[in-house]
Every structure is written in C-alpha cells, then in structure tokens.
C-alpha cells in the first residue's frame, strides 16, 4: 500500500520563531515610512544593519527602540 502523506509537508509541526531582523522594506512598513527614509536612517547611523550580511538586515530591537525613544 502507498502512503497518502504529502511528501512536501514538514516532518514536524511548524515552530513559531520570533523574527530578529527586518529587511529594509519590512522596516519601512513597520515604521510607516518609505524605503529611502530607512536608507537615510542607516546613513545617519540612527539605525545600524547587522554586520557581515549581503542584504541590509535591521534588528527588530532597533526598530522598537526608535519607536519608543525616538532617534536619539
């Protein structure tokens, strides 16, 4: 008898892992600003990307801090 299970289904239930970083586009959506604004915040070092990765990834904690405390 042939198994009727989906070969593409995950072997175990999905684990809900919290996001640690956002892309530039996701950061812009989270803050309600444009992507160029995020790039300006990066250029002014108000936001700092994760070092050593090809695409800019911004830690979620930095986004949260910017919302809570402003661009100090």
C-alpha atoms as a PDB file:
ATOM      1  CA  UNK A   1       0.000   0.000   0.000  1.00  0.00           C
ATOM      2  CA  UNK A   2       1.293   3.502  -0.896  1.00  0.00           C
ATOM      3  CA  UNK A   3       1.315   6.164   1.806  1.00  0.00           C
ATOM      4  CA  UNK A   4      -1.057   9.064   1.179  1.00  0.00           C
ATOM      5  CA  UNK A   5       1.014  11.615   3.106  1.00  0.00           C
ATOM      6  CA  UNK A   6       2.151  14.773   1.380  1.00  0.00           C
ATOM      7  CA  UNK A   7       5.892  14.459   0.602  1.00  0.00           C
ATOM      8  CA  UNK A   8       6.275  18.249   0.784  1.00  0.00           C
ATOM      9  CA  UNK A   9       4.657  18.583   4.199  1.00  0.00           C
ATOM     10  CA  UNK A  10       7.014  19.385   7.077  1.00  0.00           C
ATOM     11  CA  UNK A  11       8.108  16.401   9.134  1.00  0.00           C
ATOM     12  CA  UNK A  12       7.136  18.114  12.380  1.00  0.00           C
ATOM     13  CA  UNK A  13       4.708  20.903  13.271  1.00  0.00           C
ATOM     14  CA  UNK A  14       5.906  24.388  12.440  1.00  0.00           C
ATOM     15  CA  UNK A  15       7.633  26.205  15.276  1.00  0.00           C
ATOM     16  CA  UNK A  16       6.746  29.854  15.711  1.00  0.00           C
ATOM     17  CA  UNK A  17      10.156  31.523  15.940  1.00  0.00           C
ATOM     18  CA  UNK A  18      10.117  35.286  16.546  1.00  0.00           C
ATOM     19  CA  UNK A  19      11.764  37.468  13.921  1.00  0.00           C
ATOM     20  CA  UNK A  20      15.075  39.020  14.997  1.00  0.00           C
ATOM     21  CA  UNK A  21      15.675  41.200  11.947  1.00  0.00           C
ATOM     22  CA  UNK A  22      13.731  43.002   9.251  1.00  0.00           C
ATOM     23  CA  UNK A  23      14.672  43.817   5.692  1.00  0.00           C
ATOM     24  CA  UNK A  24      14.719  47.469   4.618  1.00  0.00           C
ATOM     25  CA  UNK A  25      11.254  47.065   3.111  1.00  0.00           C
ATOM     26  CA  UNK A  26       9.868  45.363   6.231  1.00  0.00           C
ATOM     27  CA  UNK A  27      11.430  48.063   8.432  1.00  0.00           C
ATOM     28  CA  UNK A  28       9.781  50.747   6.313  1.00  0.00           C
ATOM     29  CA  UNK A  29       6.407  49.012   6.616  1.00  0.00           C
ATOM     30  CA  UNK A  30       6.811  48.582  10.384  1.00  0.00           C
ATOM     31  CA  UNK A  31       7.600  52.282  10.833  1.00  0.00           C
ATOM     32  CA  UNK A  32       5.137  53.548   8.230  1.00  0.00           C
ATOM     33  CA  UNK A  33       7.845  55.308   6.201  1.00  0.00           C
ATOM     34  CA  UNK A  34       9.411  54.878   2.767  1.00  0.00           C
ATOM     35  CA  UNK A  35      12.435  52.737   1.919  1.00  0.00           C
ATOM     36  CA  UNK A  36      14.508  55.887   1.162  1.00  0.00           C
ATOM     37  CA  UNK A  37      13.761  57.077   4.717  1.00  0.00           C
ATOM     38  CA  UNK A  38      15.156  53.812   6.100  1.00  0.00           C
ATOM     39  CA  UNK A  39      18.290  54.261   3.967  1.00  0.00           C
ATOM     40  CA  UNK A  40      18.639  57.825   5.353  1.00  0.00           C
ATOM     41  CA  UNK A  41      18.325  56.497   8.909  1.00  0.00           C
ATOM     42  CA  UNK A  42      21.033  53.939   8.088  1.00  0.00           C
ATOM     43  CA  UNK A  43      23.286  56.621   6.554  1.00  0.00           C
ATOM     44  CA  UNK A  44      22.865  58.811   9.654  1.00  0.00           C
ATOM     45  CA  UNK A  45      23.593  55.765  11.834  1.00  0.00           C
ATOM     46  CA  UNK A  46      20.286  56.098  13.620  1.00  0.00           C
ATOM     47  CA  UNK A  47      19.677  52.508  12.546  1.00  0.00           C
ATOM     48  CA  UNK A  48      22.562  50.056  12.167  1.00  0.00           C
ATOM     49  CA  UNK A  49      22.324  46.968   9.991  1.00  0.00           C
ATOM     50  CA  UNK A  50      23.555  43.555  11.043  1.00  0.00           C
ATOM     51  CA  UNK A  51      27.227  43.412  10.009  1.00  0.00           C
ATOM     52  CA  UNK A  52      28.549  40.903   7.533  1.00  0.00           C
ATOM     53  CA  UNK A  53      25.388  40.074   5.613  1.00  0.00           C
ATOM     54  CA  UNK A  54      24.829  40.719   1.928  1.00  0.00           C
ATOM     55  CA  UNK A  55      21.460  42.446   2.240  1.00  0.00           C
ATOM     56  CA  UNK A  56      20.784  45.034   4.900  1.00  0.00           C
ATOM     57  CA  UNK A  57      19.030  43.442   7.869  1.00  0.00           C
ATOM     58  CA  UNK A  58      17.918  45.677  10.727  1.00  0.00           C
ATOM     59  CA  UNK A  59      17.452  44.225  14.226  1.00  0.00           C
ATOM     60  CA  UNK A  60      13.844  44.359  15.420  1.00  0.00           C
ATOM     61  CA  UNK A  61      15.060  45.791  18.742  1.00  0.00           C
ATOM     62  CA  UNK A  62      16.405  48.856  16.919  1.00  0.00           C
ATOM     63  CA  UNK A  63      13.037  49.425  15.262  1.00  0.00           C
ATOM     64  CA  UNK A  64      11.289  49.052  18.630  1.00  0.00           C
ATOM     65  CA  UNK A  65      13.772  51.418  20.298  1.00  0.00           C
ATOM     66  CA  UNK A  66      13.303  54.028  17.577  1.00  0.00           C
ATOM     67  CA  UNK A  67       9.534  53.909  18.077  1.00  0.00           C
ATOM     68  CA  UNK A  68       9.784  54.090  21.878  1.00  0.00           C
ATOM     69  CA  UNK A  69      12.619  56.618  22.308  1.00  0.00           C
ATOM     70  CA  UNK A  70      12.944  58.459  19.011  1.00  0.00           C
ATOM     71  CA  UNK A  71      16.133  58.984  17.013  1.00  0.00           C
ATOM     72  CA  UNK A  72      18.428  59.849  19.947  1.00  0.00           C
END
